[in-house]
Amino acid sequence: MRKQIIEYTSPIDALVALTKQLYEYEIQYKMDSAEFFTKYSQGETSDDEIFVEWAGNYQHYLALHQDLVIRLQNVA
């Protein structure tokens, strides 16, 4: 399967897109992303491509979220 690279014009657009993707995983696997990531990090899930992708997307989400929180704190 060929991966598609998507570039966003703002971190907020990227965060929204990641949130939508994470929601799809959560519905499909009936587990929230934080719970999944804990299990994944502890080796309690397989290394199927979909789980590797979910873990990567969740890490990207966390990094973007943290960056936006810091930026907003610096504005106030």
N, C-alpha and C. Protein backbone atom coordinates (compact mmCIF):
# COMPACT_ATOMS: atom_id res chain seq x y z
N MET A 1 0.85 -1.18 0.00
CA MET A 1 0.00 0.00 0.00
C MET A 1 0.89 1.24 0.00
N ARG A 2 0.61 2.14 -0.89
CA ARG A 2 1.38 3.36 -1.01
C ARG A 2 0.89 4.41 -0.03
N LYS A 3 1.81 5.00 0.71
CA LYS A 3 1.45 6.04 1.67
C LYS A 3 1.39 7.39 0.98
N GLN A 4 0.49 8.20 1.45
CA GLN A 4 0.30 9.53 0.90
C GLN A 4 0.82 10.55 1.90
N ILE A 5 1.56 11.52 1.41
CA ILE A 5 2.06 12.59 2.27
C ILE A 5 1.15 13.80 2.08
N ILE A 6 0.65 14.29 3.21
CA ILE A 6 -0.24 15.45 3.18
C ILE A 6 0.42 16.56 3.99
N GLU A 7 0.50 17.75 3.41
CA GLU A 7 1.06 18.89 4.11
C GLU A 7 -0.08 19.83 4.49
N TYR A 8 -0.02 20.32 5.72
CA TYR A 8 -1.06 21.23 6.22
C TYR A 8 -0.48 22.63 6.35
N THR A 9 -1.34 23.61 6.22
CA THR A 9 -0.89 25.00 6.28
C THR A 9 -0.73 25.50 7.70
N SER A 10 -1.30 24.78 8.65
CA SER A 10 -1.16 25.20 10.05
C SER A 10 -1.14 23.98 10.96
N PRO A 11 -0.54 24.12 12.14
CA PRO A 11 -0.54 23.01 13.08
C PRO A 11 -1.95 22.65 13.55
N ILE A 12 -2.84 23.61 13.55
CA ILE A 12 -4.23 23.34 13.97
C ILE A 12 -4.90 22.43 12.94
N ASP A 13 -4.69 22.69 11.66
CA ASP A 13 -5.25 21.82 10.62
C ASP A 13 -4.70 20.40 10.76
N ALA A 14 -3.42 20.28 11.04
CA ALA A 14 -2.80 18.96 11.22
C ALA A 14 -3.38 18.27 12.44
N LEU A 15 -3.57 19.02 13.52
CA LEU A 15 -4.12 18.44 14.75
C LEU A 15 -5.55 17.95 14.52
N VAL A 16 -6.34 18.71 13.80
CA VAL A 16 -7.71 18.30 13.49
C VAL A 16 -7.71 17.02 12.66
N ALA A 17 -6.86 16.95 11.65
CA ALA A 17 -6.78 15.77 10.80
C ALA A 17 -6.35 14.55 11.60
N LEU A 18 -5.36 14.71 12.47
CA LEU A 18 -4.91 13.60 13.32
C LEU A 18 -6.01 13.16 14.27
N THR A 19 -6.73 14.11 14.84
CA THR A 19 -7.82 13.78 15.76
C THR A 19 -8.88 12.95 15.05
N LYS A 20 -9.21 13.31 13.83
CA LYS A 20 -10.19 12.54 13.06
C LYS A 20 -9.68 11.12 12.80
N GLN A 21 -8.40 11.00 12.44
CA GLN A 21 -7.83 9.68 12.17
C GLN A 21 -7.80 8.83 13.44
N LEU A 22 -7.41 9.43 14.56
CA LEU A 22 -7.38 8.70 15.83
C LEU A 22 -8.78 8.23 16.20
N TYR A 23 -9.77 9.07 15.97
CA TYR A 23 -11.16 8.70 16.27
C TYR A 23 -11.58 7.47 15.46
N GLU A 24 -11.17 7.42 14.21
CA GLU A 24 -11.50 6.26 13.37
C GLU A 24 -10.89 4.98 13.94
N TYR A 25 -9.63 5.05 14.37
CA TYR A 25 -9.00 3.88 15.00
C TYR A 25 -9.76 3.48 16.26
N GLU A 26 -10.10 4.48 17.07
CA GLU A 26 -10.77 4.21 18.35
C GLU A 26 -12.12 3.52 18.15
N ILE A 27 -12.86 3.96 17.16
CA ILE A 27 -14.14 3.33 16.85
C ILE A 27 -13.92 1.91 16.35
N GLN A 28 -12.99 1.75 15.43
CA GLN A 28 -12.74 0.44 14.83
C GLN A 28 -12.28 -0.59 15.87
N TYR A 29 -11.41 -0.18 16.80
CA TYR A 29 -10.84 -1.12 17.76
C TYR A 29 -11.44 -1.00 19.16
N LYS A 30 -12.45 -0.11 19.31
CA LYS A 30 -13.17 0.05 20.58
C LYS A 30 -12.21 0.29 21.75
N MET A 31 -11.29 1.22 21.54
CA MET A 31 -10.29 1.54 22.55
C MET A 31 -9.80 2.96 22.28
N ASP A 32 -9.65 3.77 23.34
CA ASP A 32 -9.15 5.11 23.09
C ASP A 32 -7.64 5.06 22.82
N SER A 33 -7.15 6.12 22.22
CA SER A 33 -5.76 6.13 21.76
C SER A 33 -4.76 6.07 22.91
N ALA A 34 -5.06 6.71 24.03
CA ALA A 34 -4.15 6.66 25.17
C ALA A 34 -4.01 5.23 25.70
N GLU A 35 -5.14 4.54 25.83
CA GLU A 35 -5.12 3.15 26.29
C GLU A 35 -4.38 2.27 25.29
N PHE A 36 -4.66 2.46 24.00
CA PHE A 36 -3.96 1.70 22.97
C PHE A 36 -2.46 1.92 23.07
N PHE A 37 -2.05 3.19 23.18
CA PHE A 37 -0.63 3.50 23.16
C PHE A 37 0.09 2.89 24.36
N THR A 38 -0.57 2.87 25.50
CA THR A 38 0.02 2.21 26.67
C THR A 38 0.23 0.74 26.39
N LYS A 39 -0.78 0.09 25.85
CA LYS A 39 -0.66 -1.34 25.52
C LYS A 39 0.41 -1.57 24.45
N TYR A 40 0.43 -0.73 23.45
CA TYR A 40 1.40 -0.85 22.36
C TYR A 40 2.82 -0.69 22.91
N SER A 41 3.02 0.31 23.76
CA SER A 41 4.34 0.58 24.33
C SER A 41 4.83 -0.55 25.22
N GLN A 42 3.89 -1.27 25.83
CA GLN A 42 4.24 -2.38 26.71
C GLN A 42 4.30 -3.71 25.95
N GLY A 43 4.17 -3.65 24.63
CA GLY A 43 4.26 -4.86 23.82
C GLY A 43 3.03 -5.75 23.89
N GLU A 44 1.90 -5.19 24.28
CA GLU A 44 0.67 -5.97 24.43
C GLU A 44 -0.17 -6.01 23.15
N THR A 45 0.33 -5.40 22.08
CA THR A 45 -0.35 -5.47 20.79
C THR A 45 0.63 -6.03 19.77
N SER A 46 0.11 -6.40 18.63
CA SER A 46 1.00 -6.88 17.56
C SER A 46 1.69 -5.69 16.90
N ASP A 47 2.63 -5.97 16.04
CA ASP A 47 3.31 -4.93 15.28
C ASP A 47 2.74 -4.81 13.88
N ASP A 48 1.44 -5.10 13.76
CA ASP A 48 0.78 -4.94 12.46
C ASP A 48 0.94 -3.50 12.00
N GLU A 49 0.95 -3.31 10.71
CA GLU A 49 1.16 -1.98 10.13
C GLU A 49 0.16 -0.96 10.67
N ILE A 50 -1.08 -1.35 10.85
CA ILE A 50 -2.11 -0.43 11.32
C ILE A 50 -1.81 0.06 12.73
N PHE A 51 -1.27 -0.82 13.58
CA PHE A 51 -0.94 -0.42 14.95
C PHE A 51 0.30 0.47 14.99
N VAL A 52 1.26 0.20 14.13
CA VAL A 52 2.44 1.06 14.04
C VAL A 52 2.01 2.45 13.58
N GLU A 53 1.11 2.50 12.60
CA GLU A 53 0.59 3.77 12.10
C GLU A 53 -0.19 4.51 13.19
N TRP A 54 -1.04 3.79 13.91
CA TRP A 54 -1.82 4.40 14.99
C TRP A 54 -0.89 4.98 16.05
N ALA A 55 0.11 4.22 16.44
CA ALA A 55 1.06 4.70 17.45
C ALA A 55 1.79 5.94 16.96
N GLY A 56 2.22 5.94 15.72
CA GLY A 56 2.91 7.10 15.16
C GLY A 56 2.01 8.32 15.09
N ASN A 57 0.78 8.11 14.67
CA ASN A 57 -0.18 9.22 14.62
C ASN A 57 -0.46 9.77 16.01
N TYR A 58 -0.56 8.89 16.99
CA TYR A 58 -0.82 9.35 18.36
C TYR A 58 0.37 10.15 18.90
N GLN A 59 1.58 9.68 18.63
CA GLN A 59 2.77 10.43 19.07
C GLN A 59 2.82 11.79 18.39
N HIS A 60 2.50 11.83 17.12
CA HIS A 60 2.47 13.10 16.39
C HIS A 60 1.40 14.02 16.98
N TYR A 61 0.23 13.47 17.28
CA TYR A 61 -0.85 14.23 17.91
C TYR A 61 -0.38 14.84 19.24
N LEU A 62 0.26 14.02 20.08
CA LEU A 62 0.73 14.50 21.38
C LEU A 62 1.74 15.63 21.22
N ALA A 63 2.66 15.48 20.27
CA ALA A 63 3.68 16.51 20.05
C ALA A 63 3.05 17.81 19.56
N LEU A 64 2.14 17.72 18.61
CA LEU A 64 1.46 18.92 18.10
C LEU A 64 0.63 19.58 19.20
N HIS A 65 -0.08 18.78 19.96
CA HIS A 65 -0.91 19.30 21.04
C HIS A 65 -0.04 20.05 22.05
N GLN A 66 1.06 19.44 22.45
CA GLN A 66 1.96 20.07 23.43
C GLN A 66 2.53 21.37 22.87
N ASP A 67 2.92 21.37 21.61
CA ASP A 67 3.46 22.57 20.98
C ASP A 67 2.42 23.70 20.99
N LEU A 68 1.18 23.37 20.67
CA LEU A 68 0.13 24.39 20.66
C LEU A 68 -0.17 24.91 22.05
N VAL A 69 -0.16 24.03 23.05
CA VAL A 69 -0.38 24.46 24.44
C VAL A 69 0.70 25.45 24.86
N ILE A 70 1.95 25.14 24.55
CA ILE A 70 3.06 26.03 24.90
C ILE A 70 2.92 27.37 24.19
N ARG A 71 2.59 27.34 22.92
CA ARG A 71 2.41 28.59 22.17
C ARG A 71 1.30 29.44 22.77
N LEU A 72 0.19 28.80 23.13
CA LEU A 72 -0.93 29.55 23.71
C LEU A 72 -0.58 30.12 25.08
N GLN A 73 0.20 29.41 25.86
CA GLN A 73 0.62 29.92 27.17
C GLN A 73 1.52 31.13 27.02
N ASN A 74 2.32 31.14 25.97
CA ASN A 74 3.23 32.27 25.73
C ASN A 74 2.50 33.51 25.24
N VAL A 75 1.31 33.32 24.69
CA VAL A 75 0.52 34.44 24.19
C VAL A 75 -0.19 35.14 25.34
N ALA A 76 -0.64 34.37 26.30
CA ALA A 76 -1.45 34.92 27.40
C ALA A 76 -0.63 35.73 28.36
